[in-house]
Amino acid sequence: MTVSRGHVAIVGSYRRVAQTMAEWLHSNAADGFNIMPPYLPGSLGEFVDNVVPELQKLGVYKTAYRDGTLRSKLNLQRPSSRYRFRASVQS
């Protein structure tokens, strides 16, 4: 299924879809993708179960995540809570 929303539709085997996505990434034609499955939940699961492993083999998709929060990975300080003192004032 394809739609006319100005997006590229990549069609082919799971391996070919992954190879095309990797080619776009390596040539700086894309820095990410929005997956628009034609039906849910089946086709999204099919993508995750079949295309993602191919992308991982090609080295363009993570196989694991580092420990920690996004905040810690970006070296950001945890902001103080603006609600911290309200509880003690109301009691």
PDB file of N, CA and C in Angstrom:
ATOM      1  N   MET A   1       0.847  -1.176   0.000  1.00  0.00           N
ATOM      2  CA  MET A   1       0.000   0.000   0.000  1.00  0.00           C
ATOM      3  C   MET A   1       0.893   1.239   0.000  1.00  0.00           C
ATOM      4  N   THR A   2       0.516   2.214  -0.742  1.00  0.00           N
ATOM      5  CA  THR A   2       1.273   3.455  -0.770  1.00  0.00           C
ATOM      6  C   THR A   2       0.312   4.631  -0.670  1.00  0.00           C
ATOM      7  N   VAL A   3       0.804   5.740  -0.210  1.00  0.00           N
ATOM      8  CA  VAL A   3      -0.017   6.943  -0.094  1.00  0.00           C
ATOM      9  C   VAL A   3       0.737   8.094  -0.727  1.00  0.00           C
ATOM     10  N   SER A   4       0.003   9.101  -1.118  1.00  0.00           N
ATOM     11  CA  SER A   4       0.666  10.253  -1.730  1.00  0.00           C
ATOM     12  C   SER A   4       0.767  11.381  -0.716  1.00  0.00           C
ATOM     13  N   ARG A   5       1.740  11.279   0.154  1.00  0.00           N
ATOM     14  CA  ARG A   5       1.968  12.315   1.162  1.00  0.00           C
ATOM     15  C   ARG A   5       3.335  12.954   0.966  1.00  0.00           C
ATOM     16  N   GLY A   6       3.934  12.740  -0.182  1.00  0.00           N
ATOM     17  CA  GLY A   6       5.247  13.315  -0.426  1.00  0.00           C
ATOM     18  C   GLY A   6       6.375  12.515   0.198  1.00  0.00           C
ATOM     19  N   HIS A   7       6.098  11.276   0.607  1.00  0.00           N
ATOM     20  CA  HIS A   7       7.105  10.432   1.223  1.00  0.00           C
ATOM     21  C   HIS A   7       7.539   9.350   0.244  1.00  0.00           C
ATOM     22  N   VAL A   8       8.745   8.893   0.411  1.00  0.00           N
ATOM     23  CA  VAL A   8       9.243   7.798  -0.402  1.00  0.00           C
ATOM     24  C   VAL A   8       8.703   6.497   0.159  1.00  0.00           C
ATOM     25  N   ALA A   9       8.229   5.627  -0.700  1.00  0.00           N
ATOM     26  CA  ALA A   9       7.779   4.301  -0.279  1.00  0.00           C
ATOM     27  C   ALA A   9       8.855   3.313  -0.709  1.00  0.00           C
ATOM     28  N   ILE A  10       9.475   2.645   0.249  1.00  0.00           N
ATOM     29  CA  ILE A  10      10.507   1.654  -0.041  1.00  0.00           C
ATOM     30  C   ILE A  10       9.829   0.297  -0.080  1.00  0.00           C
ATOM     31  N   VAL A  11       9.954  -0.377  -1.210  1.00  0.00           N
ATOM     32  CA  VAL A  11       9.294  -1.658  -1.418  1.00  0.00           C
ATOM     33  C   VAL A  11      10.338  -2.712  -1.743  1.00  0.00           C
ATOM     34  N   GLY A  12      10.183  -3.882  -1.168  1.00  0.00           N
ATOM     35  CA  GLY A  12      11.095  -4.982  -1.470  1.00  0.00           C
ATOM     36  C   GLY A  12      11.189  -5.929  -0.301  1.00  0.00           C
ATOM     37  N   SER A  13      12.181  -6.801  -0.356  1.00  0.00           N
ATOM     38  CA  SER A  13      12.399  -7.732   0.745  1.00  0.00           C
ATOM     39  C   SER A  13      12.818  -6.951   1.988  1.00  0.00           C
ATOM     40  N   TYR A  14      12.769  -7.628   3.124  1.00  0.00           N
ATOM     41  CA  TYR A  14      13.188  -6.975   4.364  1.00  0.00           C
ATOM     42  C   TYR A  14      14.626  -6.486   4.244  1.00  0.00           C
ATOM     43  N   ARG A  15      15.472  -7.332   3.676  1.00  0.00           N
ATOM     44  CA  ARG A  15      16.881  -6.966   3.503  1.00  0.00           C
ATOM     45  C   ARG A  15      17.022  -5.759   2.589  1.00  0.00           C
ATOM     46  N   ARG A  16      16.277  -5.736   1.497  1.00  0.00           N
ATOM     47  CA  ARG A  16      16.372  -4.630   0.531  1.00  0.00           C
ATOM     48  C   ARG A  16      15.879  -3.326   1.153  1.00  0.00           C
ATOM     49  N   VAL A  17      14.813  -3.403   1.929  1.00  0.00           N
ATOM     50  CA  VAL A  17      14.308  -2.202   2.620  1.00  0.00           C
ATOM     51  C   VAL A  17      15.388  -1.665   3.555  1.00  0.00           C
ATOM     52  N   ALA A  18      16.000  -2.556   4.333  1.00  0.00           N
ATOM     53  CA  ALA A  18      17.058  -2.138   5.259  1.00  0.00           C
ATOM     54  C   ALA A  18      18.258  -1.573   4.503  1.00  0.00           C
ATOM     55  N   GLN A  19      18.641  -2.206   3.410  1.00  0.00           N
ATOM     56  CA  GLN A  19      19.778  -1.711   2.621  1.00  0.00           C
ATOM     57  C   GLN A  19      19.496  -0.327   2.059  1.00  0.00           C
ATOM     58  N   THR A  20      18.290  -0.111   1.585  1.00  0.00           N
ATOM     59  CA  THR A  20      17.931   1.205   1.038  1.00  0.00           C
ATOM     60  C   THR A  20      17.976   2.267   2.132  1.00  0.00           C
ATOM     61  N   MET A  21      17.451   1.936   3.301  1.00  0.00           N
ATOM     62  CA  MET A  21      17.483   2.888   4.418  1.00  0.00           C
ATOM     63  C   MET A  21      18.923   3.195   4.811  1.00  0.00           C
ATOM     64  N   ALA A  22      19.769   2.173   4.857  1.00  0.00           N
ATOM     65  CA  ALA A  22      21.179   2.358   5.213  1.00  0.00           C
ATOM     66  C   ALA A  22      21.887   3.220   4.170  1.00  0.00           C
ATOM     67  N   GLU A  23      21.585   2.995   2.892  1.00  0.00           N
ATOM     68  CA  GLU A  23      22.188   3.806   1.825  1.00  0.00           C
ATOM     69  C   GLU A  23      21.832   5.277   1.997  1.00  0.00           C
ATOM     70  N   TRP A  24      20.576   5.555   2.329  1.00  0.00           N
ATOM     71  CA  TRP A  24      20.147   6.934   2.545  1.00  0.00           C
ATOM     72  C   TRP A  24      20.901   7.546   3.718  1.00  0.00           C
ATOM     73  N   LEU A  25      21.056   6.790   4.799  1.00  0.00           N
ATOM     74  CA  LEU A  25      21.773   7.299   5.971  1.00  0.00           C
ATOM     75  C   LEU A  25      23.240   7.566   5.655  1.00  0.00           C
ATOM     76  N   HIS A  26      23.892   6.615   4.983  1.00  0.00           N
ATOM     77  CA  HIS A  26      25.321   6.752   4.678  1.00  0.00           C
ATOM     78  C   HIS A  26      25.610   7.871   3.678  1.00  0.00           C
ATOM     79  N   SER A  27      24.641   8.180   2.825  1.00  0.00           N
ATOM     80  CA  SER A  27      24.851   9.251   1.848  1.00  0.00           C
ATOM     81  C   SER A  27      24.345  10.600   2.349  1.00  0.00           C
ATOM     82  N   ASN A  28      23.968  10.656   3.642  1.00  0.00           N
ATOM     83  CA  ASN A  28      23.444  11.875   4.266  1.00  0.00           C
ATOM     84  C   ASN A  28      22.171  12.393   3.597  1.00  0.00           C
ATOM     85  N   ALA A  29      21.431  11.488   2.968  1.00  0.00           N
ATOM     86  CA  ALA A  29      20.149  11.865   2.378  1.00  0.00           C
ATOM     87  C   ALA A  29      19.048  11.860   3.437  1.00  0.00           C
ATOM     88  N   ALA A  30      19.333  11.234   4.590  1.00  0.00           N
ATOM     89  CA  ALA A  30      18.364  11.182   5.688  1.00  0.00           C
ATOM     90  C   ALA A  30      19.119  11.060   6.999  1.00  0.00           C
ATOM     91  N   ASP A  31      18.525  11.579   8.058  1.00  0.00           N
ATOM     92  CA  ASP A  31      19.112  11.381   9.381  1.00  0.00           C
ATOM     93  C   ASP A  31      18.178  10.573  10.267  1.00  0.00           C
ATOM     94  N   GLY A  32      17.089  10.115   9.700  1.00  0.00           N
ATOM     95  CA  GLY A  32      16.126   9.280  10.413  1.00  0.00           C
ATOM     96  C   GLY A  32      14.940   9.003   9.513  1.00  0.00           C
ATOM     97  N   PHE A  33      14.038   8.182   9.991  1.00  0.00           N
ATOM     98  CA  PHE A  33      12.886   7.785   9.188  1.00  0.00           C
ATOM     99  C   PHE A  33      11.634   7.775  10.036  1.00  0.00           C
ATOM    100  N   ASN A  34      10.521   8.116   9.433  1.00  0.00           N
ATOM    101  CA  ASN A  34       9.205   7.938  10.042  1.00  0.00           C
ATOM    102  C   ASN A  34       8.582   6.721   9.385  1.00  0.00           C
ATOM    103  N   ILE A  35       8.288   5.724  10.182  1.00  0.00           N
ATOM    104  CA  ILE A  35       7.697   4.504   9.656  1.00  0.00           C
ATOM    105  C   ILE A  35       6.185   4.681   9.641  1.00  0.00           C
ATOM    106  N   MET A  36       5.580   4.490   8.481  1.00  0.00           N
ATOM    107  CA  MET A  36       4.135   4.655   8.333  1.00  0.00           C
ATOM    108  C   MET A  36       3.540   3.326   7.869  1.00  0.00           C
ATOM    109  N   PRO A  37       3.292   2.410   8.809  1.00  0.00           N
ATOM    110  CA  PRO A  37       2.774   1.101   8.421  1.00  0.00           C
ATOM    111  C   PRO A  37       1.349   1.210   7.872  1.00  0.00           C
ATOM    112  N   PRO A  38       1.039   0.407   6.855  1.00  0.00           N
ATOM    113  CA  PRO A  38      -0.289   0.500   6.228  1.00  0.00           C
ATOM    114  C   PRO A  38      -1.414  -0.022   7.105  1.00  0.00           C
ATOM    115  N   TYR A  39      -1.110  -0.899   8.052  1.00  0.00           N
ATOM    116  CA  TYR A  39      -2.128  -1.377   8.985  1.00  0.00           C
ATOM    117  C   TYR A  39      -1.443  -1.688  10.317  1.00  0.00           C
ATOM    118  N   LEU A  40      -2.205  -1.568  11.387  1.00  0.00           N
ATOM    119  CA  LEU A  40      -1.661  -1.802  12.723  1.00  0.00           C
ATOM    120  C   LEU A  40      -2.464  -2.889  13.420  1.00  0.00           C
ATOM    121  N   PRO A  41      -1.876  -3.625  14.294  1.00  0.00           N
ATOM    122  CA  PRO A  41      -0.484  -3.607  14.719  1.00  0.00           C
ATOM    123  C   PRO A  41       0.415  -4.493  13.870  1.00  0.00           C
ATOM    124  N   GLY A  42      -0.152  -5.310  12.998  1.00  0.00           N
ATOM    125  CA  GLY A  42       0.604  -6.324  12.265  1.00  0.00           C
ATOM    126  C   GLY A  42       1.806  -5.841  11.494  1.00  0.00           C
ATOM    127  N   SER A  43       1.644  -4.826  10.671  1.00  0.00           N
ATOM    128  CA  SER A  43       2.764  -4.423   9.820  1.00  0.00           C
ATOM    129  C   SER A  43       3.873  -3.729  10.599  1.00  0.00           C
ATOM    130  N   LEU A  44       3.549  -3.083  11.703  1.00  0.00           N
ATOM    131  CA  LEU A  44       4.588  -2.481  12.537  1.00  0.00           C
ATOM    132  C   LEU A  44       5.417  -3.587  13.195  1.00  0.00           C
ATOM    133  N   GLY A  45       4.751  -4.622  13.676  1.00  0.00           N
ATOM    134  CA  GLY A  45       5.452  -5.774  14.240  1.00  0.00           C
ATOM    135  C   GLY A  45       6.309  -6.463  13.205  1.00  0.00           C
ATOM    136  N   GLU A  46       5.816  -6.553  11.993  1.00  0.00           N
ATOM    137  CA  GLU A  46       6.577  -7.160  10.900  1.00  0.00           C
ATOM    138  C   GLU A  46       7.853  -6.366  10.621  1.00  0.00           C
ATOM    139  N   PHE A  47       7.752  -5.047  10.650  1.00  0.00           N
ATOM    140  CA  PHE A  47       8.915  -4.193  10.453  1.00  0.00           C
ATOM    141  C   PHE A  47       9.928  -4.412  11.574  1.00  0.00           C
ATOM    142  N   VAL A  48       9.451  -4.374  12.813  1.00  0.00           N
ATOM    143  CA  VAL A  48      10.337  -4.529  13.969  1.00  0.00           C
ATOM    144  C   VAL A  48      11.003  -5.900  13.967  1.00  0.00           C
ATOM    145  N   ASP A  49      10.243  -6.938  13.681  1.00  0.00           N
ATOM    146  CA  ASP A  49      10.773  -8.305  13.735  1.00  0.00           C
ATOM    147  C   ASP A  49      11.679  -8.657  12.564  1.00  0.00           C
ATOM    148  N   ASN A  50      11.523  -7.976  11.428  1.00  0.00           N
ATOM    149  CA  ASN A  50      12.256  -8.385  10.230  1.00  0.00           C
ATOM    150  C   ASN A  50      13.214  -7.344   9.657  1.00  0.00           C
ATOM    151  N   VAL A  51      12.822  -6.084   9.664  1.00  0.00           N
ATOM    152  CA  VAL A  51      13.685  -5.045   9.096  1.00  0.00           C
ATOM    153  C   VAL A  51      14.711  -4.567  10.123  1.00  0.00           C
ATOM    154  N   VAL A  52      14.291  -4.375  11.367  1.00  0.00           N
ATOM    155  CA  VAL A  52      15.216  -3.892  12.393  1.00  0.00           C
ATOM    156  C   VAL A  52      16.440  -4.798  12.536  1.00  0.00           C
ATOM    157  N   PRO A  53      16.284  -6.130  12.585  1.00  0.00           N
ATOM    158  CA  PRO A  53      17.497  -6.971  12.658  1.00  0.00           C
ATOM    159  C   PRO A  53      18.431  -6.783  11.456  1.00  0.00           C
ATOM    160  N   GLU A  54      17.875  -6.540  10.298  1.00  0.00           N
ATOM    161  CA  GLU A  54      18.704  -6.283   9.115  1.00  0.00           C
ATOM    162  C   GLU A  54      19.439  -4.955   9.263  1.00  0.00           C
ATOM    163  N   LEU A  55      18.760  -3.951   9.800  1.00  0.00           N
ATOM    164  CA  LEU A  55      19.408  -2.655  10.040  1.00  0.00           C
ATOM    165  C   LEU A  55      20.528  -2.808  11.071  1.00  0.00           C
ATOM    166  N   GLN A  56      20.308  -3.648  12.079  1.00  0.00           N
ATOM    167  CA  GLN A  56      21.337  -3.894  13.084  1.00  0.00           C
ATOM    168  C   GLN A  56      22.552  -4.584  12.468  1.00  0.00           C
ATOM    169  N   LYS A  57      22.325  -5.542  11.576  1.00  0.00           N
ATOM    170  CA  LYS A  57      23.437  -6.211  10.882  1.00  0.00           C
ATOM    171  C   LYS A  57      24.252  -5.216  10.070  1.00  0.00           C
ATOM    172  N   LEU A  58      23.576  -4.211   9.526  1.00  0.00           N
ATOM    173  CA  LEU A  58      24.252  -3.192   8.719  1.00  0.00           C
ATOM    174  C   LEU A  58      24.899  -2.115   9.585  1.00  0.00           C
ATOM    175  N   GLY A  59      24.668  -2.172  10.896  1.00  0.00           N
ATOM    176  CA  GLY A  59      25.300  -1.233  11.819  1.00  0.00           C
ATOM    177  C   GLY A  59      24.665   0.141  11.881  1.00  0.00           C
ATOM    178  N   VAL A  60      23.421   0.265  11.460  1.00  0.00           N
ATOM    179  CA  VAL A  60      22.770   1.577  11.483  1.00  0.00           C
ATOM    180  C   VAL A  60      21.642   1.652  12.504  1.00  0.00           C
ATOM    181  N   TYR A  61      21.478   0.607  13.312  1.00  0.00           N
ATOM    182  CA  TYR A  61      20.445   0.603  14.350  1.00  0.00           C
ATOM    183  C   TYR A  61      21.028  -0.058  15.588  1.00  0.00           C
ATOM    184  N   LYS A  62      20.767   0.534  16.732  1.00  0.00           N
ATOM    185  CA  LYS A  62      21.336   0.044  17.995  1.00  0.00           C
ATOM    186  C   LYS A  62      20.908  -1.396  18.284  1.00  0.00           C
ATOM    187  N   THR A  63      21.821  -2.113  18.927  1.00  0.00           N
ATOM    188  CA  THR A  63      21.482  -3.444  19.428  1.00  0.00           C
ATOM    189  C   THR A  63      21.271  -3.414  20.933  1.00  0.00           C
ATOM    190  N   ALA A  64      21.692  -2.338  21.583  1.00  0.00           N
ATOM    191  CA  ALA A  64      21.520  -2.167  23.030  1.00  0.00           C
ATOM    192  C   ALA A  64      21.586  -0.685  23.354  1.00  0.00           C
ATOM    193  N   TYR A  65      21.080  -0.347  24.511  1.00  0.00           N
ATOM    194  CA  TYR A  65      21.107   1.035  24.978  1.00  0.00           C
ATOM    195  C   TYR A  65      22.002   1.143  26.198  1.00  0.00           C
ATOM    196  N   ARG A  66      22.729   2.246  26.316  1.00  0.00           N
ATOM    197  CA  ARG A  66      23.533   2.498  27.517  1.00  0.00           C
ATOM    198  C   ARG A  66      22.609   2.720  28.699  1.00  0.00           C
ATOM    199  N   ASP A  67      23.110   2.400  29.883  1.00  0.00           N
ATOM    200  CA  ASP A  67      22.352   2.648  31.105  1.00  0.00           C
ATOM    201  C   ASP A  67      22.234   4.152  31.345  1.00  0.00           C
ATOM    202  N   GLY A  68      21.177   4.537  32.037  1.00  0.00           N
ATOM    203  CA  GLY A  68      21.017   5.931  32.418  1.00  0.00           C
ATOM    204  C   GLY A  68      19.848   6.596  31.729  1.00  0.00           C
ATOM    205  N   THR A  69      19.521   7.770  32.233  1.00  0.00           N
ATOM    206  CA  THR A  69      18.429   8.556  31.674  1.00  0.00           C
ATOM    207  C   THR A  69      18.969   9.436  30.540  1.00  0.00           C
ATOM    208  N   LEU A  70      18.080   9.962  29.753  1.00  0.00           N
ATOM    209  CA  LEU A  70      18.486  10.893  28.700  1.00  0.00           C
ATOM    210  C   LEU A  70      19.186  12.096  29.318  1.00  0.00           C
ATOM    211  N   ARG A  71      18.653  12.564  30.441  1.00  0.00           N
ATOM    212  CA  ARG A  71      19.246  13.713  31.127  1.00  0.00           C
ATOM    213  C   ARG A  71      20.704  13.428  31.490  1.00  0.00           C
ATOM    214  N   SER A  72      20.981  12.248  32.047  1.00  0.00           N
ATOM    215  CA  SER A  72      22.355  11.927  32.436  1.00  0.00           C
ATOM    216  C   SER A  72      23.256  11.741  31.215  1.00  0.00           C
ATOM    217  N   LYS A  73      22.717  11.190  30.133  1.00  0.00           N
ATOM    218  CA  LYS A  73      23.509  10.995  28.918  1.00  0.00           C
ATOM    219  C   LYS A  73      23.888  12.328  28.272  1.00  0.00           C
ATOM    220  N   LEU A  74      23.062  13.341  28.498  1.00  0.00           N
ATOM    221  CA  LEU A  74      23.340  14.671  27.952  1.00  0.00           C
ATOM    222  C   LEU A  74      24.072  15.561  28.950  1.00  0.00           C
ATOM    223  N   ASN A  75      24.437  14.995  30.104  1.00  0.00           N
ATOM    224  CA  ASN A  75      25.143  15.742  31.160  1.00  0.00           C
ATOM    225  C   ASN A  75      24.345  16.942  31.659  1.00  0.00           C
ATOM    226  N   LEU A  76      23.059  16.777  31.799  1.00  0.00           N
ATOM    227  CA  LEU A  76      22.202  17.855  32.282  1.00  0.00           C
ATOM    228  C   LEU A  76      21.929  17.666  33.763  1.00  0.00           C
ATOM    229  N   GLN A  77      21.910  18.762  34.499  1.00  0.00           N
ATOM    230  CA  GLN A  77      21.587  18.729  35.921  1.00  0.00           C
ATOM    231  C   GLN A  77      20.088  18.521  36.095  1.00  0.00           C
ATOM    232  N   ARG A  78      19.719  17.810  37.135  1.00  0.00           N
ATOM    233  CA  ARG A  78      18.305  17.637  37.443  1.00  0.00           C
ATOM    234  C   ARG A  78      17.785  18.935  38.031  1.00  0.00           C
ATOM    235  N   PRO A  79      16.739  19.519  37.456  1.00  0.00           N
ATOM    236  CA  PRO A  79      16.219  20.784  37.996  1.00  0.00           C
ATOM    237  C   PRO A  79      15.540  20.550  39.343  1.00  0.00           C
ATOM    238  N   SER A  80      15.570  21.545  40.181  1.00  0.00           N
ATOM    239  CA  SER A  80      14.879  21.410  41.463  1.00  0.00           C
ATOM    240  C   SER A  80      13.377  21.495  41.207  1.00  0.00           C
ATOM    241  N   SER A  81      12.648  20.809  42.040  1.00  0.00           N
ATOM    242  CA  SER A  81      11.205  20.765  41.885  1.00  0.00           C
ATOM    243  C   SER A  81      10.584  22.075  42.343  1.00  0.00           C
ATOM    244  N   ARG A  82       9.720  22.643  41.557  1.00  0.00           N
ATOM    245  CA  ARG A  82       9.036  23.870  41.959  1.00  0.00           C
ATOM    246  C   ARG A  82       7.937  23.565  42.979  1.00  0.00           C
ATOM    247  N   TYR A  83       7.650  22.282  43.198  1.00  0.00           N
ATOM    248  CA  TYR A  83       6.621  21.878  44.145  1.00  0.00           C
ATOM    249  C   TYR A  83       7.209  21.403  45.476  1.00  0.00           C
ATOM    250  N   ARG A  84       8.500  21.409  45.615  1.00  0.00           N
ATOM    251  CA  ARG A  84       9.186  20.865  46.773  1.00  0.00           C
ATOM    252  C   ARG A  84       8.725  21.494  48.089  1.00  0.00           C
ATOM    253  N   PHE A  85       8.584  22.800  48.137  1.00  0.00           N
ATOM    254  CA  PHE A  85       8.245  23.486  49.383  1.00  0.00           C
ATOM    255  C   PHE A  85       6.738  23.661  49.573  1.00  0.00           C
ATOM    256  N   ARG A  86       5.962  23.455  48.553  1.00  0.00           N
ATOM    257  CA  ARG A  86       4.501  23.619  48.677  1.00  0.00           C
ATOM    258  C   ARG A  86       3.891  22.628  49.654  1.00  0.00           C
ATOM    259  N   ALA A  87       4.380  21.392  49.655  1.00  0.00           N
ATOM    260  CA  ALA A  87       3.806  20.351  50.530  1.00  0.00           C
ATOM    261  C   ALA A  87       4.004  20.725  51.999  1.00  0.00           C
ATOM    262  N   SER A  88       5.170  21.230  52.353  1.00  0.00           N
ATOM    263  CA  SER A  88       5.442  21.574  53.757  1.00  0.00           C
ATOM    264  C   SER A  88       4.679  22.819  54.178  1.00  0.00           C
ATOM    265  N   VAL A  89       4.382  23.729  53.269  1.00  0.00           N
ATOM    266  CA  VAL A  89       3.665  24.949  53.599  1.00  0.00           C
ATOM    267  C   VAL A  89       2.191  24.635  53.853  1.00  0.00           C
ATOM    268  N   GLN A  90       1.635  23.677  53.102  1.00  0.00           N
ATOM    269  CA  GLN A  90       0.214  23.350  53.221  1.00  0.00           C
ATOM    270  C   GLN A  90      -0.078  22.495  54.436  1.00  0.00           C
ATOM    271  N   SER A  91       0.901  21.806  55.042  1.00  0.00           N
ATOM    272  CA  SER A  91       0.603  20.931  56.181  1.00  0.00           C
ATOM    273  C   SER A  91       0.511  21.668  57.478  1.00  0.00           C
TER     274      SER A  91
END
